[in-house]
Amino acid sequence: MVVSSCSFTWISPCLSHKIKNLLHSNDLPRNTATSYSKNIFCAMDATSSEESHCQRRPLLLGIGALTVNLQPTTSLFAQEIPNKYRAFVDYTDGYSYIYPSDWKEFDFRAHDSAFKDVLLQLQNVRVRFIPTEKKDIRDLGPVEEVIPYLVKHRFAAPNQRPTIYDMQERSVDGKHYYTVEYVLASQNYSSASFATIAIGNGRYYTLIVGAVERRWKRVRDKLKVVADSFKLLDI
């Protein structure tokens, strides 16, 4: 499915109002591209819930990628990790994904985990989550209604022009995931990304993996593997 940046207008007023009520500003903070030094693990203006999470996050940094070796491996991690990828498994926060084996962990503001290319720092993956009373991503609406709203109003900054190239829905072990491929263009800079969103464990999870747009054709397939690997774990 290909959707241009003009296609946001076909969301019905009723559905748009519904999504706004479900995804108010406190529930879906905008994506940010600010990274901090290795000694800073959370933003200074974090909310109380973010602070409590950040206090224990340093214990996960550096060992998260090894968790798969410390816990009973699932069939996914025993059999399905592609060559030149590694698995990140967070049994405490209930999610997992794979990332290129030559990437390194880094601190990305307000995110729970993040990895980046050693040489190309704008080529990275990061995951964040927030509390929600919803049980499943489908509770927000169908993928063709929810994704355009999110890309335009949550992922894009005011000075960025969003364009959606593809939207997909998948189901794994009874859990549902929405994935979108999109570009955010501004006057001086354009980025391309995949975002995978899911709801489980009383949390709304967002994984974003991307790169500068000029490199997208070369790295797209590599990064799509990361986006498609995101899975929720029961906690």
Protein backbone atom coordinates (compact mmCIF):
# COMPACT_ATOMS: atom_id res chain seq x y z
CA MET A 1 0.00 0.00 0.00
CA VAL A 2 1.40 3.38 -0.96
CA VAL A 3 0.06 6.50 0.71
CA SER A 4 1.24 9.98 -0.14
CA SER A 5 1.56 12.77 2.38
CA CYS A 6 -1.73 14.16 1.11
CA SER A 7 -3.67 11.07 2.10
CA PHE A 8 -4.07 12.12 5.73
CA THR A 9 -7.21 14.02 4.78
CA TRP A 10 -9.27 10.89 4.22
CA ILE A 11 -9.49 10.08 7.91
CA SER A 12 -13.08 10.66 8.93
CA PRO A 13 -13.69 13.50 11.43
CA CYS A 14 -15.31 11.01 13.81
CA LEU A 15 -12.37 8.60 13.67
CA SER A 16 -9.85 11.41 13.95
CA HIS A 17 -11.59 12.70 17.08
CA LYS A 18 -11.61 9.17 18.51
CA ILE A 19 -7.89 8.70 17.92
CA LYS A 20 -7.14 12.07 19.47
CA ASN A 21 -9.03 11.05 22.60
CA LEU A 22 -7.18 7.73 22.75
CA LEU A 23 -3.76 9.19 21.95
CA HIS A 24 -3.67 12.45 23.88
CA SER A 25 -0.43 14.33 24.28
CA ASN A 26 0.47 12.77 27.61
CA ASP A 27 0.21 9.28 26.13
CA LEU A 28 2.22 9.74 22.97
CA PRO A 29 5.17 12.10 23.33
CA ARG A 30 6.77 13.16 20.08
CA ASN A 31 9.82 11.36 18.83
CA THR A 32 12.99 13.21 19.73
CA ALA A 33 16.45 13.01 18.19
CA THR A 34 18.41 14.17 21.22
CA SER A 35 21.04 11.81 22.61
CA TYR A 36 22.97 12.28 25.83
CA SER A 37 26.39 11.19 27.02
CA LYS A 38 27.02 7.69 28.33
CA ASN A 39 26.81 8.89 31.93
CA ILE A 40 23.29 10.25 31.60
CA PHE A 41 20.53 7.68 31.49
CA CYS A 42 17.37 9.78 31.57
CA ALA A 43 16.16 13.29 30.87
CA MET A 44 16.33 15.82 33.69
CA ASP A 45 12.68 16.71 33.16
CA ALA A 46 11.44 13.12 33.29
CA THR A 47 8.09 12.44 34.89
CA SER A 48 7.91 10.45 38.12
CA SER A 49 7.16 7.24 36.22
CA GLU A 50 10.06 7.88 33.85
CA GLU A 51 12.35 8.61 36.79
CA SER A 52 11.58 5.34 38.52
CA HIS A 53 12.28 3.50 35.27
CA CYS A 54 15.48 5.41 34.60
CA GLN A 55 16.78 4.61 38.07
CA ARG A 56 17.02 0.95 37.18
CA ARG A 57 17.80 1.38 33.48
CA PRO A 58 21.58 1.66 34.06
CA LEU A 59 21.49 -1.91 35.34
CA LEU A 60 20.14 -3.03 31.99
CA LEU A 61 22.55 -1.05 29.85
CA GLY A 62 25.38 -3.22 28.66
CA ILE A 63 23.76 -6.49 29.76
CA GLY A 64 20.52 -6.25 27.83
CA ALA A 65 22.06 -7.74 24.72
CA LEU A 66 23.35 -10.64 26.79
CA THR A 67 20.02 -11.43 28.40
CA VAL A 68 19.26 -13.96 25.71
CA ASN A 69 22.16 -16.01 27.06
CA LEU A 70 21.04 -15.71 30.67
CA GLN A 71 17.42 -16.74 30.16
CA PRO A 72 15.88 -19.84 28.54
CA THR A 73 16.04 -19.18 24.83
CA THR A 74 12.86 -19.23 22.80
CA SER A 75 12.57 -20.83 19.40
CA LEU A 76 12.95 -17.36 17.85
CA PHE A 77 16.36 -16.70 19.35
CA ALA A 78 17.53 -20.28 19.07
CA GLN A 79 16.76 -20.61 15.37
CA GLU A 80 15.82 -17.36 13.69
CA ILE A 81 18.54 -14.77 14.36
CA PRO A 82 19.92 -13.90 10.90
CA ASN A 83 23.62 -13.75 10.27
CA LYS A 84 25.21 -10.42 11.30
CA TYR A 85 22.42 -9.63 13.80
CA ARG A 86 22.17 -9.87 17.57
CA ALA A 87 19.17 -10.16 19.87
CA PHE A 88 18.17 -7.68 22.55
CA VAL A 89 15.78 -9.22 25.08
CA ASP A 90 14.29 -7.29 27.99
CA TYR A 91 12.38 -9.73 30.17
CA THR A 92 11.74 -7.01 32.76
CA ASP A 93 9.96 -4.63 30.38
CA GLY A 94 8.50 -7.28 28.11
CA TYR A 95 9.92 -6.89 24.61
CA SER A 96 12.64 -8.09 22.26
CA TYR A 97 14.12 -7.31 18.85
CA ILE A 98 17.25 -7.93 16.81
CA TYR A 99 19.75 -5.35 15.57
CA PRO A 100 22.89 -5.36 13.38
CA SER A 101 25.77 -7.00 15.23
CA ASP A 102 28.17 -4.13 14.49
CA TRP A 103 25.95 -1.55 16.20
CA LYS A 104 26.61 -0.37 19.75
CA GLU A 105 24.27 0.53 22.59
CA PHE A 106 23.80 4.21 23.41
CA ASP A 107 21.56 6.47 25.47
CA PHE A 108 18.63 8.03 23.64
CA ARG A 109 16.58 10.51 25.63
CA ALA A 110 13.37 9.07 27.15
CA HIS A 111 13.89 5.71 25.45
CA ASP A 112 14.31 2.35 27.16
CA SER A 113 16.90 0.91 24.77
CA ALA A 114 18.79 2.08 21.69
CA PHE A 115 21.55 0.91 19.34
CA LYS A 116 23.35 2.82 16.59
CA ASP A 117 25.78 2.27 13.75
CA VAL A 118 29.33 2.84 14.98
CA LEU A 119 30.16 5.21 12.12
CA LEU A 120 26.74 6.54 11.10
CA GLN A 121 25.07 7.66 14.30
CA LEU A 122 21.84 8.74 12.60
CA GLN A 123 21.38 5.12 11.55
CA ASN A 124 19.87 3.64 14.69
CA VAL A 125 17.05 1.81 16.45
CA ARG A 126 15.34 2.86 19.65
CA VAL A 127 12.42 1.66 21.76
CA ARG A 128 10.21 3.48 24.21
CA PHE A 129 6.97 2.68 25.99
CA ILE A 130 4.31 4.46 28.02
CA PRO A 131 1.45 3.20 30.20
CA THR A 132 -1.94 2.55 28.61
CA GLU A 133 -5.24 0.99 29.59
CA LYS A 134 -5.65 -0.48 26.10
CA LYS A 135 -5.10 -4.21 25.65
CA ASP A 136 -4.20 -4.45 21.96
CA ILE A 137 -3.06 -2.10 19.21
CA ARG A 138 -6.30 -2.84 17.37
CA ASP A 139 -8.14 -1.09 20.19
CA LEU A 140 -6.92 2.19 18.68
CA GLY A 141 -8.48 1.41 15.29
CA PRO A 142 -7.49 -0.19 11.98
CA VAL A 143 -3.97 0.28 10.69
CA GLU A 144 -5.07 2.46 7.76
CA GLU A 145 -6.70 4.92 10.16
CA VAL A 146 -4.24 4.91 13.07
CA ILE A 147 -0.90 5.05 11.23
CA PRO A 148 -1.48 8.24 9.16
CA TYR A 149 -2.57 10.08 12.28
CA LEU A 150 0.48 8.95 14.24
CA VAL A 151 2.98 9.79 11.50
CA LYS A 152 1.56 13.24 10.96
CA HIS A 153 0.82 14.25 14.54
CA ARG A 154 3.30 12.26 16.66
CA PHE A 155 6.34 11.27 14.62
CA ALA A 156 6.67 14.45 12.52
CA ALA A 157 7.81 17.79 13.89
CA PRO A 158 5.90 20.93 12.82
CA ASN A 159 8.56 21.79 10.22
CA GLN A 160 8.62 18.30 8.68
CA ARG A 161 6.58 17.00 5.75
CA PRO A 162 5.58 13.34 6.30
CA THR A 163 5.14 10.83 3.49
CA ILE A 164 3.99 7.25 4.06
CA TYR A 165 5.21 4.55 1.68
CA ASP A 166 3.78 1.41 3.22
CA MET A 167 1.66 0.18 6.12
CA GLN A 168 1.48 -3.39 7.37
CA GLU A 169 -0.20 -5.37 10.11
CA ARG A 170 1.09 -8.68 11.42
CA SER A 171 0.06 -11.10 14.14
CA VAL A 172 2.47 -13.26 16.16
CA ASP A 173 1.29 -15.58 18.94
CA GLY A 174 -2.00 -13.72 19.19
CA LYS A 175 -0.34 -10.30 19.52
CA HIS A 176 -0.81 -7.64 16.84
CA TYR A 177 1.73 -5.18 15.43
CA TYR A 178 1.43 -2.21 13.07
CA THR A 179 4.50 -1.27 10.99
CA VAL A 180 4.88 1.80 8.78
CA GLU A 181 7.59 2.95 6.38
CA TYR A 182 7.75 6.73 6.14
CA VAL A 183 9.91 9.76 5.33
CA LEU A 184 10.10 13.02 7.26
CA ALA A 185 11.39 15.84 5.08
CA SER A 186 12.36 19.36 6.07
CA GLN A 187 14.17 22.12 4.24
CA ASN A 188 17.66 20.92 5.19
CA TYR A 189 17.28 17.31 6.21
CA SER A 190 15.23 14.20 5.45
CA SER A 191 15.09 10.91 7.31
CA ALA A 192 13.47 7.60 6.43
CA SER A 193 12.27 5.12 9.02
CA PHE A 194 10.27 2.08 9.94
CA ALA A 195 8.13 2.28 13.06
CA THR A 196 6.52 -0.73 14.70
CA ILE A 197 3.92 -0.16 17.40
CA ALA A 198 2.21 -2.62 19.70
CA ILE A 199 0.27 -2.75 22.97
CA GLY A 200 0.69 -5.32 25.71
CA ASN A 201 1.56 -5.62 29.39
CA GLY A 202 -0.37 -2.40 30.02
CA ARG A 203 2.10 -0.51 27.83
CA TYR A 204 2.18 1.15 24.44
CA TYR A 205 5.49 0.27 22.74
CA THR A 206 7.13 2.08 19.84
CA LEU A 207 10.22 0.86 17.97
CA ILE A 208 11.72 3.19 15.37
CA VAL A 209 14.64 2.23 13.15
CA GLY A 210 15.88 4.61 10.48
CA ALA A 211 18.60 6.41 8.57
CA VAL A 212 19.14 9.53 6.52
CA GLU A 213 17.00 9.37 3.38
CA ARG A 214 19.92 9.47 0.95
CA ARG A 215 21.11 6.10 2.32
CA TRP A 216 17.68 4.51 2.51
CA LYS A 217 17.89 2.40 -0.64
CA ARG A 218 21.13 0.85 0.58
CA VAL A 219 19.98 0.03 4.12
CA ARG A 220 16.20 -0.35 3.82
CA ASP A 221 16.09 -4.14 3.70
CA LYS A 222 18.61 -4.42 6.52
CA LEU A 223 16.53 -2.16 8.76
CA LYS A 224 13.24 -3.81 7.80
CA VAL A 225 14.54 -6.97 9.46
CA VAL A 226 14.86 -5.01 12.70
CA ALA A 227 11.36 -3.53 12.45
CA ASP A 228 9.79 -6.92 11.75
CA SER A 229 11.64 -8.59 14.61
CA PHE A 230 9.99 -6.57 17.38
CA LYS A 231 7.98 -8.82 19.70
CA LEU A 232 6.21 -8.46 23.02
CA LEU A 233 6.98 -10.78 25.91
CA ASP A 234 4.51 -11.57 28.67
CA ILE A 235 5.52 -10.10 32.03
